[in-house]
Amino acid sequence: MFQCFYPDYEADNAYGIAYEELYEAGYRGIIFDIDNTLVPHGFPADHRARELFGRLRKLGFQTVLLSNNKEPRVKPFGDAVGSCYVFKAGKPGREGYRKAMGLMGSNAGNTLFVGDQLFTDVWGAKRAGIVTYLVKPIHPKEEIQIVLKRRLERIVLFFYHRRLGRKEKLESKMCTKTPGGSTREP
């Protein structure tokens, strides 16, 4: 019922994802949300964000910031971290994600998306066929419409985690797929 909103993977934050392993698995492009994914809502790029994007460039990743915000919010962040960007992206629509992949020269098969919201970030990326990472929001203070969405997200995540628990029991008895599509023994 809620599967279209389920992330492919979860992480505590965008900074703790094993990007080296994902590069080895064949991923080449990463699309990032900004607010509450990389920094608290409305904050400029910080040292940690600049370091992450430098590390990703050294690995060989292309990156794009994808935001529903206007250019005055997104451009300075993109300039600070050295990344292309798409503003007024229209998430969860597919077009912003497609434009981001075009900027990186990547495709849905070798692109990842990292964001903090199910109903815009994850749903839009899944609609575009992109592997998704849901991260926990960095800062609890949010706009009222996002606070309301977070309550609905808790319901969806309850069913997602319940389903995951059942799936993990089954997968412990057989091979599982890695993000790059190969199989491994548990």
N, C-alpha and C. Protein backbone atom coordinates (compact mmCIF):
# COMPACT_ATOMS: atom_id res chain seq x y z
N MET A 1 0.82 -1.19 0.00
CA MET A 1 0.00 0.00 0.00
C MET A 1 0.87 1.26 0.00
N PHE A 2 1.92 1.30 0.82
CA PHE A 2 2.79 2.47 0.90
C PHE A 2 4.11 2.26 0.18
N GLN A 3 4.27 1.14 -0.53
CA GLN A 3 5.57 0.77 -1.09
C GLN A 3 6.21 1.85 -1.96
N CYS A 4 5.41 2.66 -2.63
CA CYS A 4 5.99 3.70 -3.50
C CYS A 4 6.76 4.75 -2.70
N PHE A 5 6.53 4.79 -1.38
CA PHE A 5 7.23 5.74 -0.53
C PHE A 5 8.40 5.12 0.23
N TYR A 6 8.56 3.80 0.14
CA TYR A 6 9.61 3.13 0.90
C TYR A 6 10.98 3.43 0.31
N PRO A 7 11.94 3.84 1.13
CA PRO A 7 13.30 4.05 0.63
C PRO A 7 13.96 2.71 0.34
N ASP A 8 14.97 2.74 -0.52
CA ASP A 8 15.73 1.52 -0.76
C ASP A 8 16.67 1.25 0.41
N TYR A 9 17.22 2.33 0.97
CA TYR A 9 18.14 2.22 2.10
C TYR A 9 17.89 3.38 3.06
N GLU A 10 18.32 3.20 4.29
CA GLU A 10 18.26 4.27 5.28
C GLU A 10 19.67 4.48 5.85
N ALA A 11 19.92 5.72 6.27
CA ALA A 11 21.19 6.04 6.92
C ALA A 11 20.90 7.09 7.99
N ASP A 12 21.73 7.12 9.00
CA ASP A 12 21.55 8.13 10.04
C ASP A 12 21.72 9.54 9.48
N ASN A 13 22.67 9.68 8.54
CA ASN A 13 22.89 10.99 7.93
C ASN A 13 23.62 10.80 6.60
N ALA A 14 23.68 11.87 5.83
CA ALA A 14 24.32 11.81 4.51
C ALA A 14 25.82 11.64 4.61
N TYR A 15 26.37 11.94 5.76
CA TYR A 15 27.83 11.90 5.93
C TYR A 15 28.36 10.52 6.29
N GLY A 16 27.48 9.61 6.68
CA GLY A 16 27.90 8.28 7.10
C GLY A 16 27.68 7.19 6.09
N ILE A 17 27.24 7.53 4.90
CA ILE A 17 26.99 6.53 3.85
C ILE A 17 28.33 6.06 3.30
N ALA A 18 28.43 4.77 2.99
CA ALA A 18 29.67 4.17 2.47
C ALA A 18 29.80 4.44 0.97
N TYR A 19 30.13 5.67 0.61
CA TYR A 19 30.20 6.07 -0.79
C TYR A 19 31.27 5.30 -1.56
N GLU A 20 32.36 4.94 -0.91
CA GLU A 20 33.41 4.17 -1.57
C GLU A 20 32.85 2.84 -2.09
N GLU A 21 32.07 2.17 -1.28
CA GLU A 21 31.47 0.89 -1.69
C GLU A 21 30.47 1.09 -2.82
N LEU A 22 29.73 2.18 -2.76
CA LEU A 22 28.76 2.46 -3.82
C LEU A 22 29.45 2.76 -5.14
N TYR A 23 30.57 3.44 -5.09
CA TYR A 23 31.34 3.70 -6.31
C TYR A 23 31.84 2.38 -6.90
N GLU A 24 32.36 1.52 -6.03
CA GLU A 24 32.83 0.20 -6.48
C GLU A 24 31.70 -0.63 -7.07
N ALA A 25 30.47 -0.41 -6.58
CA ALA A 25 29.31 -1.14 -7.09
C ALA A 25 28.81 -0.59 -8.42
N GLY A 26 29.40 0.52 -8.89
CA GLY A 26 29.05 1.04 -10.22
C GLY A 26 28.27 2.34 -10.24
N TYR A 27 27.96 2.90 -9.09
CA TYR A 27 27.25 4.18 -9.07
C TYR A 27 28.21 5.30 -9.41
N ARG A 28 27.72 6.30 -10.19
CA ARG A 28 28.58 7.40 -10.62
C ARG A 28 27.99 8.78 -10.35
N GLY A 29 26.71 8.86 -10.08
CA GLY A 29 26.07 10.14 -9.82
C GLY A 29 25.28 10.11 -8.53
N ILE A 30 25.33 11.22 -7.80
CA ILE A 30 24.54 11.33 -6.57
C ILE A 30 23.78 12.65 -6.59
N ILE A 31 22.48 12.55 -6.38
CA ILE A 31 21.62 13.72 -6.27
C ILE A 31 21.32 13.90 -4.79
N PHE A 32 21.52 15.11 -4.30
CA PHE A 32 21.29 15.42 -2.89
C PHE A 32 20.19 16.47 -2.72
N ASP A 33 19.35 16.26 -1.74
CA ASP A 33 18.51 17.32 -1.21
C ASP A 33 19.44 18.17 -0.34
N ILE A 34 19.05 19.40 0.00
CA ILE A 34 19.91 20.26 0.83
C ILE A 34 19.40 20.35 2.26
N ASP A 35 18.23 20.99 2.41
CA ASP A 35 17.73 21.32 3.74
C ASP A 35 17.34 20.10 4.55
N ASN A 36 17.93 19.99 5.72
CA ASN A 36 17.75 18.90 6.68
C ASN A 36 18.33 17.57 6.19
N THR A 37 18.99 17.60 5.03
CA THR A 37 19.74 16.44 4.55
C THR A 37 21.23 16.71 4.75
N LEU A 38 21.70 17.86 4.28
CA LEU A 38 23.11 18.22 4.40
C LEU A 38 23.37 19.22 5.51
N VAL A 39 22.43 20.13 5.72
CA VAL A 39 22.52 21.16 6.77
C VAL A 39 21.12 21.42 7.32
N PRO A 40 21.02 22.04 8.50
CA PRO A 40 19.69 22.43 8.98
C PRO A 40 19.01 23.37 7.98
N HIS A 41 17.70 23.38 8.02
CA HIS A 41 16.90 24.17 7.07
C HIS A 41 17.36 25.62 7.00
N GLY A 42 17.70 26.07 5.80
CA GLY A 42 18.09 27.45 5.57
C GLY A 42 19.54 27.80 5.85
N PHE A 43 20.32 26.87 6.39
CA PHE A 43 21.72 27.15 6.73
C PHE A 43 22.60 27.10 5.48
N PRO A 44 23.71 27.84 5.50
CA PRO A 44 24.66 27.76 4.37
C PRO A 44 25.48 26.47 4.46
N ALA A 45 26.21 26.19 3.41
CA ALA A 45 27.10 25.02 3.40
C ALA A 45 28.15 25.19 4.49
N ASP A 46 28.36 24.13 5.24
CA ASP A 46 29.35 24.18 6.31
C ASP A 46 30.59 23.37 5.91
N HIS A 47 31.56 23.33 6.82
CA HIS A 47 32.81 22.61 6.58
C HIS A 47 32.55 21.14 6.24
N ARG A 48 31.64 20.54 6.96
CA ARG A 48 31.34 19.12 6.75
C ARG A 48 30.80 18.87 5.34
N ALA A 49 29.90 19.74 4.88
CA ALA A 49 29.33 19.59 3.53
C ALA A 49 30.41 19.78 2.47
N ARG A 50 31.26 20.79 2.64
CA ARG A 50 32.34 21.03 1.67
C ARG A 50 33.30 19.84 1.63
N GLU A 51 33.62 19.29 2.79
CA GLU A 51 34.51 18.11 2.84
C GLU A 51 33.88 16.91 2.14
N LEU A 52 32.59 16.68 2.38
CA LEU A 52 31.90 15.55 1.75
C LEU A 52 31.96 15.66 0.23
N PHE A 53 31.65 16.81 -0.31
CA PHE A 53 31.63 16.96 -1.77
C PHE A 53 33.04 16.87 -2.35
N GLY A 54 34.04 17.33 -1.62
CA GLY A 54 35.42 17.15 -2.05
C GLY A 54 35.79 15.68 -2.10
N ARG A 55 35.39 14.95 -1.08
CA ARG A 55 35.65 13.50 -1.01
C ARG A 55 34.96 12.77 -2.17
N LEU A 56 33.71 13.15 -2.46
CA LEU A 56 32.97 12.51 -3.54
C LEU A 56 33.62 12.78 -4.90
N ARG A 57 34.10 14.00 -5.11
CA ARG A 57 34.80 14.32 -6.37
C ARG A 57 36.07 13.48 -6.51
N LYS A 58 36.82 13.32 -5.41
CA LYS A 58 38.04 12.50 -5.45
C LYS A 58 37.73 11.05 -5.80
N LEU A 59 36.59 10.56 -5.33
CA LEU A 59 36.19 9.19 -5.64
C LEU A 59 35.81 9.04 -7.12
N GLY A 60 35.37 10.14 -7.73
CA GLY A 60 34.94 10.09 -9.13
C GLY A 60 33.45 10.33 -9.33
N PHE A 61 32.74 10.65 -8.26
CA PHE A 61 31.30 10.91 -8.37
C PHE A 61 31.02 12.28 -8.98
N GLN A 62 29.94 12.34 -9.73
CA GLN A 62 29.33 13.59 -10.14
C GLN A 62 28.20 13.86 -9.14
N THR A 63 27.93 15.12 -8.84
CA THR A 63 26.87 15.44 -7.88
C THR A 63 25.99 16.57 -8.42
N VAL A 64 24.74 16.55 -7.96
CA VAL A 64 23.79 17.63 -8.24
C VAL A 64 22.96 17.84 -6.98
N LEU A 65 22.74 19.09 -6.64
CA LEU A 65 21.81 19.45 -5.57
C LEU A 65 20.45 19.65 -6.22
N LEU A 66 19.43 19.01 -5.66
CA LEU A 66 18.07 19.10 -6.20
C LEU A 66 17.16 19.65 -5.13
N SER A 67 16.61 20.83 -5.39
CA SER A 67 15.83 21.50 -4.35
C SER A 67 14.58 22.15 -4.94
N ASN A 68 13.52 22.17 -4.14
CA ASN A 68 12.32 22.89 -4.52
C ASN A 68 12.45 24.38 -4.19
N ASN A 69 13.53 24.76 -3.53
CA ASN A 69 13.77 26.16 -3.19
C ASN A 69 14.11 26.97 -4.44
N LYS A 70 14.13 28.30 -4.25
CA LYS A 70 14.49 29.21 -5.33
C LYS A 70 16.01 29.31 -5.44
N GLU A 71 16.45 29.85 -6.57
CA GLU A 71 17.89 29.92 -6.85
C GLU A 71 18.69 30.68 -5.80
N PRO A 72 18.19 31.77 -5.20
CA PRO A 72 19.00 32.45 -4.18
C PRO A 72 19.37 31.56 -2.98
N ARG A 73 18.60 30.52 -2.73
CA ARG A 73 18.94 29.58 -1.66
C ARG A 73 19.92 28.52 -2.17
N VAL A 74 19.70 28.01 -3.38
CA VAL A 74 20.41 26.85 -3.88
C VAL A 74 21.78 27.19 -4.49
N LYS A 75 21.86 28.26 -5.25
CA LYS A 75 23.12 28.62 -5.93
C LYS A 75 24.28 28.82 -4.96
N PRO A 76 24.13 29.62 -3.89
CA PRO A 76 25.27 29.79 -2.98
C PRO A 76 25.74 28.48 -2.35
N PHE A 77 24.80 27.58 -2.07
CA PHE A 77 25.16 26.29 -1.51
C PHE A 77 25.94 25.49 -2.54
N GLY A 78 25.44 25.45 -3.77
CA GLY A 78 26.13 24.73 -4.84
C GLY A 78 27.53 25.28 -5.09
N ASP A 79 27.64 26.62 -5.10
CA ASP A 79 28.96 27.24 -5.29
C ASP A 79 29.92 26.85 -4.17
N ALA A 80 29.42 26.84 -2.93
CA ALA A 80 30.28 26.54 -1.77
C ALA A 80 30.79 25.11 -1.77
N VAL A 81 29.96 24.16 -2.24
CA VAL A 81 30.39 22.75 -2.23
C VAL A 81 30.94 22.30 -3.58
N GLY A 82 30.84 23.16 -4.59
CA GLY A 82 31.36 22.82 -5.91
C GLY A 82 30.49 21.83 -6.65
N SER A 83 29.18 22.03 -6.60
CA SER A 83 28.26 21.10 -7.24
C SER A 83 27.28 21.83 -8.15
N CYS A 84 26.87 21.16 -9.21
CA CYS A 84 25.77 21.65 -10.03
C CYS A 84 24.50 21.62 -9.19
N TYR A 85 23.47 22.28 -9.65
CA TYR A 85 22.22 22.30 -8.90
C TYR A 85 21.03 22.48 -9.82
N VAL A 86 19.88 22.07 -9.32
CA VAL A 86 18.59 22.31 -9.97
C VAL A 86 17.70 22.93 -8.90
N PHE A 87 17.23 24.15 -9.14
CA PHE A 87 16.34 24.81 -8.19
C PHE A 87 14.91 24.75 -8.73
N LYS A 88 13.95 25.01 -7.86
CA LYS A 88 12.52 24.89 -8.22
C LYS A 88 12.30 23.59 -8.99
N ALA A 89 12.77 22.50 -8.41
CA ALA A 89 12.82 21.20 -9.09
C ALA A 89 11.47 20.53 -9.27
N GLY A 90 10.49 20.95 -8.50
CA GLY A 90 9.17 20.32 -8.64
C GLY A 90 9.09 18.91 -8.08
N LYS A 91 9.92 18.62 -7.07
CA LYS A 91 9.83 17.30 -6.43
C LYS A 91 8.44 17.15 -5.82
N PRO A 92 7.78 16.04 -5.97
CA PRO A 92 8.25 14.72 -6.38
C PRO A 92 8.12 14.41 -7.87
N GLY A 93 7.94 15.40 -8.71
CA GLY A 93 7.90 15.16 -10.15
C GLY A 93 9.21 14.58 -10.66
N ARG A 94 9.14 13.85 -11.76
CA ARG A 94 10.32 13.17 -12.32
C ARG A 94 11.29 14.12 -13.02
N GLU A 95 10.79 15.21 -13.57
CA GLU A 95 11.61 16.06 -14.43
C GLU A 95 12.87 16.61 -13.76
N GLY A 96 12.77 17.04 -12.51
CA GLY A 96 13.94 17.55 -11.81
C GLY A 96 15.03 16.49 -11.68
N TYR A 97 14.63 15.28 -11.40
CA TYR A 97 15.58 14.17 -11.28
C TYR A 97 16.22 13.87 -12.63
N ARG A 98 15.42 13.90 -13.68
CA ARG A 98 15.95 13.66 -15.03
C ARG A 98 16.93 14.76 -15.43
N LYS A 99 16.57 15.99 -15.11
CA LYS A 99 17.47 17.11 -15.42
C LYS A 99 18.79 16.94 -14.66
N ALA A 100 18.71 16.53 -13.39
CA ALA A 100 19.92 16.31 -12.59
C ALA A 100 20.79 15.23 -13.21
N MET A 101 20.19 14.13 -13.65
CA MET A 101 20.97 13.07 -14.29
C MET A 101 21.60 13.56 -15.58
N GLY A 102 20.88 14.39 -16.32
CA GLY A 102 21.44 14.97 -17.55
C GLY A 102 22.66 15.83 -17.26
N LEU A 103 22.61 16.62 -16.19
CA LEU A 103 23.75 17.45 -15.82
C LEU A 103 24.97 16.60 -15.45
N MET A 104 24.73 15.44 -14.86
CA MET A 104 25.84 14.57 -14.45
C MET A 104 26.29 13.60 -15.53
N GLY A 105 25.47 13.44 -16.58
CA GLY A 105 25.77 12.44 -17.59
C GLY A 105 25.56 11.03 -17.06
N SER A 106 24.66 10.89 -16.10
CA SER A 106 24.36 9.57 -15.52
C SER A 106 22.97 9.13 -15.93
N ASN A 107 22.59 7.95 -15.48
CA ASN A 107 21.26 7.44 -15.76
C ASN A 107 20.69 6.82 -14.49
N ALA A 108 19.44 6.39 -14.55
CA ALA A 108 18.78 5.86 -13.35
C ALA A 108 19.51 4.63 -12.79
N GLY A 109 20.20 3.89 -13.61
CA GLY A 109 20.89 2.69 -13.16
C GLY A 109 22.18 2.95 -12.40
N ASN A 110 22.77 4.14 -12.56
CA ASN A 110 24.03 4.41 -11.86
C ASN A 110 23.97 5.70 -11.02
N THR A 111 22.75 6.07 -10.63
CA THR A 111 22.54 7.28 -9.84
C THR A 111 21.86 6.94 -8.52
N LEU A 112 22.26 7.66 -7.49
CA LEU A 112 21.66 7.54 -6.15
C LEU A 112 21.01 8.86 -5.78
N PHE A 113 20.02 8.79 -4.91
CA PHE A 113 19.45 10.01 -4.35
C PHE A 113 19.53 9.93 -2.83
N VAL A 114 19.90 11.05 -2.19
CA VAL A 114 19.99 11.13 -0.74
C VAL A 114 19.11 12.30 -0.28
N GLY A 115 18.12 12.00 0.56
CA GLY A 115 17.22 13.04 1.06
C GLY A 115 16.56 12.64 2.36
N ASP A 116 15.85 13.59 2.97
CA ASP A 116 15.27 13.36 4.30
C ASP A 116 13.75 13.23 4.31
N GLN A 117 13.07 13.38 3.17
CA GLN A 117 11.61 13.33 3.17
C GLN A 117 11.10 12.22 2.27
N LEU A 118 10.10 11.48 2.76
CA LEU A 118 9.53 10.39 1.97
C LEU A 118 8.66 10.90 0.83
N PHE A 119 7.80 11.87 1.10
CA PHE A 119 6.77 12.25 0.13
C PHE A 119 7.26 13.18 -0.97
N THR A 120 8.42 13.75 -0.84
CA THR A 120 8.98 14.55 -1.93
C THR A 120 10.25 13.87 -2.45
N ASP A 121 11.25 13.75 -1.60
CA ASP A 121 12.56 13.23 -2.01
C ASP A 121 12.51 11.78 -2.49
N VAL A 122 12.11 10.88 -1.59
CA VAL A 122 12.15 9.45 -1.90
C VAL A 122 11.14 9.09 -2.99
N TRP A 123 9.92 9.56 -2.85
CA TRP A 123 8.89 9.21 -3.83
C TRP A 123 9.29 9.70 -5.23
N GLY A 124 9.77 10.92 -5.32
CA GLY A 124 10.18 11.45 -6.63
C GLY A 124 11.31 10.66 -7.24
N ALA A 125 12.32 10.33 -6.44
CA ALA A 125 13.46 9.57 -6.96
C ALA A 125 13.02 8.17 -7.40
N LYS A 126 12.16 7.55 -6.62
CA LYS A 126 11.68 6.22 -7.00
C LYS A 126 10.86 6.29 -8.30
N ARG A 127 10.08 7.34 -8.46
CA ARG A 127 9.30 7.53 -9.69
C ARG A 127 10.24 7.67 -10.89
N ALA A 128 11.43 8.23 -10.66
CA ALA A 128 12.42 8.38 -11.73
C ALA A 128 13.30 7.14 -11.88
N GLY A 129 13.08 6.11 -11.06
CA GLY A 129 13.83 4.86 -11.15
C GLY A 129 15.18 4.88 -10.47
N ILE A 130 15.39 5.83 -9.54
CA ILE A 130 16.69 6.01 -8.89
C ILE A 130 16.70 5.34 -7.52
N VAL A 131 17.82 4.73 -7.16
CA VAL A 131 17.99 4.14 -5.84
C VAL A 131 18.00 5.26 -4.81
N THR A 132 17.31 5.04 -3.68
CA THR A 132 17.13 6.10 -2.68
C THR A 132 17.74 5.75 -1.33
N TYR A 133 18.29 6.79 -0.70
CA TYR A 133 18.73 6.73 0.68
C TYR A 133 17.91 7.75 1.45
N LEU A 134 17.21 7.31 2.47
CA LEU A 134 16.50 8.21 3.37
C LEU A 134 17.39 8.45 4.57
N VAL A 135 17.66 9.71 4.87
CA VAL A 135 18.44 10.06 6.05
C VAL A 135 17.54 10.74 7.07
N LYS A 136 17.96 10.67 8.32
CA LYS A 136 17.20 11.33 9.38
C LYS A 136 17.38 12.84 9.24
N PRO A 137 16.32 13.61 9.47
CA PRO A 137 16.46 15.07 9.37
C PRO A 137 17.49 15.58 10.38
N ILE A 138 18.31 16.53 9.94
CA ILE A 138 19.37 17.06 10.77
C ILE A 138 18.85 17.87 11.95
N HIS A 139 17.82 18.64 11.72
CA HIS A 139 17.35 19.58 12.75
C HIS A 139 15.85 19.43 12.94
N PRO A 140 15.38 19.39 14.20
CA PRO A 140 13.96 19.18 14.45
C PRO A 140 13.07 20.38 14.10
N LYS A 141 13.62 21.59 14.04
CA LYS A 141 12.81 22.78 13.75
C LYS A 141 12.52 22.85 12.25
N GLU A 142 11.23 22.75 11.90
CA GLU A 142 10.85 22.77 10.50
C GLU A 142 9.58 23.59 10.30
N GLU A 143 9.30 23.91 9.04
CA GLU A 143 8.09 24.63 8.70
C GLU A 143 6.88 23.75 9.01
N ILE A 144 5.73 24.37 9.26
CA ILE A 144 4.53 23.64 9.70
C ILE A 144 4.09 22.57 8.70
N GLN A 145 4.16 22.85 7.40
CA GLN A 145 3.73 21.83 6.43
C GLN A 145 4.63 20.61 6.47
N ILE A 146 5.90 20.80 6.80
CA ILE A 146 6.81 19.66 6.89
C ILE A 146 6.56 18.89 8.18
N VAL A 147 6.23 19.59 9.25
CA VAL A 147 5.91 18.93 10.51
C VAL A 147 4.72 17.99 10.31
N LEU A 148 3.71 18.45 9.57
CA LEU A 148 2.54 17.61 9.31
C LEU A 148 2.92 16.39 8.45
N LYS A 149 3.77 16.60 7.45
CA LYS A 149 4.22 15.48 6.62
C LYS A 149 5.01 14.47 7.44
N ARG A 150 5.80 14.96 8.39
CA ARG A 150 6.61 14.04 9.22
C ARG A 150 5.72 13.08 9.99
N ARG A 151 4.57 13.55 10.44
CA ARG A 151 3.64 12.66 11.17
C ARG A 151 3.14 11.55 10.25
N LEU A 152 2.81 11.89 9.02
CA LEU A 152 2.39 10.88 8.06
C LEU A 152 3.55 9.94 7.71
N GLU A 153 4.74 10.50 7.62
CA GLU A 153 5.92 9.67 7.34
C GLU A 153 6.12 8.60 8.40
N ARG A 154 5.86 8.94 9.66
CA ARG A 154 6.01 7.96 10.74
C ARG A 154 5.14 6.73 10.50
N ILE A 155 3.94 6.95 9.99
CA ILE A 155 3.02 5.84 9.70
C ILE A 155 3.61 4.97 8.60
N VAL A 156 4.06 5.60 7.52
CA VAL A 156 4.64 4.85 6.40
C VAL A 156 5.88 4.09 6.86
N LEU A 157 6.73 4.74 7.64
CA LEU A 157 7.96 4.08 8.11
C LEU A 157 7.66 2.93 9.07
N PHE A 158 6.59 3.03 9.82
CA PHE A 158 6.19 1.92 10.69
C PHE A 158 5.96 0.66 9.84
N PHE A 159 5.18 0.80 8.76
CA PHE A 159 4.90 -0.35 7.90
C PHE A 159 6.14 -0.80 7.13
N TYR A 160 6.96 0.15 6.74
CA TYR A 160 8.21 -0.18 6.05
C TYR A 160 9.12 -1.01 6.96
N HIS A 161 9.31 -0.57 8.19
CA HIS A 161 10.19 -1.30 9.12
C HIS A 161 9.60 -2.65 9.50
N ARG A 162 8.30 -2.72 9.60
CA ARG A 162 7.65 -4.01 9.89
C ARG A 162 7.88 -4.97 8.73
N ARG A 163 7.73 -4.48 7.51
CA ARG A 163 7.96 -5.31 6.33
C ARG A 163 9.43 -5.72 6.24
N LEU A 164 10.33 -4.78 6.54
CA LEU A 164 11.76 -5.06 6.52
C LEU A 164 12.12 -6.18 7.49
N GLY A 165 11.52 -6.14 8.66
CA GLY A 165 11.79 -7.18 9.65
C GLY A 165 11.43 -8.56 9.13
N ARG A 166 10.30 -8.68 8.45
CA ARG A 166 9.90 -9.96 7.86
C ARG A 166 10.85 -10.34 6.73
N LYS A 167 11.21 -9.38 5.90
CA LYS A 167 12.08 -9.64 4.75
C LYS A 167 13.46 -10.09 5.22
N GLU A 168 14.00 -9.47 6.26
CA GLU A 168 15.32 -9.84 6.77
C GLU A 168 15.33 -11.28 7.28
N LYS A 169 14.24 -11.71 7.89
CA LYS A 169 14.16 -13.10 8.35
C LYS A 169 14.24 -14.05 7.18
N LEU A 170 13.55 -13.73 6.07
CA LEU A 170 13.59 -14.58 4.89
C LEU A 170 14.96 -14.55 4.22
N GLU A 171 15.55 -13.35 4.10
CA GLU A 171 16.83 -13.21 3.42
C GLU A 171 17.98 -13.86 4.18
N SER A 172 17.85 -14.02 5.47
CA SER A 172 18.92 -14.65 6.23
C SER A 172 19.07 -16.11 5.84
N LYS A 173 18.08 -16.64 5.15
CA LYS A 173 18.13 -18.04 4.72
C LYS A 173 18.58 -18.19 3.27
N MET A 174 18.71 -17.05 2.53
CA MET A 174 19.11 -17.14 1.12
C MET A 174 20.02 -15.98 0.75
N CYS A 175 20.43 -15.91 -0.52
CA CYS A 175 21.29 -14.82 -1.00
C CYS A 175 20.54 -13.51 -0.99
N THR A 176 21.28 -12.41 -0.84
CA THR A 176 20.67 -11.08 -0.90
C THR A 176 21.37 -10.27 -1.97
N LYS A 177 20.70 -9.24 -2.46
CA LYS A 177 21.27 -8.37 -3.49
C LYS A 177 21.98 -7.19 -2.86
N THR A 178 23.11 -6.82 -3.45
CA THR A 178 23.82 -5.61 -3.03
C THR A 178 23.30 -4.44 -3.87
N PRO A 179 23.60 -3.19 -3.49
CA PRO A 179 23.12 -2.06 -4.26
C PRO A 179 23.50 -2.10 -5.74
N GLY A 180 24.62 -2.67 -6.08
CA GLY A 180 25.04 -2.72 -7.47
C GLY A 180 24.38 -3.85 -8.26
N GLY A 181 23.60 -4.70 -7.60
CA GLY A 181 22.88 -5.76 -8.29
C GLY A 181 23.52 -7.13 -8.17
N SER A 182 24.73 -7.23 -7.65
CA SER A 182 25.34 -8.55 -7.49
C SER A 182 24.78 -9.20 -6.22
N THR A 183 25.03 -10.47 -6.09
CA THR A 183 24.52 -11.16 -4.91
C THR A 183 25.66 -11.48 -3.95
N ARG A 184 25.29 -11.65 -2.71
CA ARG A 184 26.27 -12.05 -1.70
C ARG A 184 25.61 -13.03 -0.78
N GLU A 185 26.40 -13.84 -0.16
CA GLU A 185 25.89 -14.76 0.85
C GLU A 185 25.81 -14.03 2.17
N PRO A 186 24.72 -14.19 2.92
CA PRO A 186 24.64 -13.52 4.23
C PRO A 186 25.61 -14.09 5.23
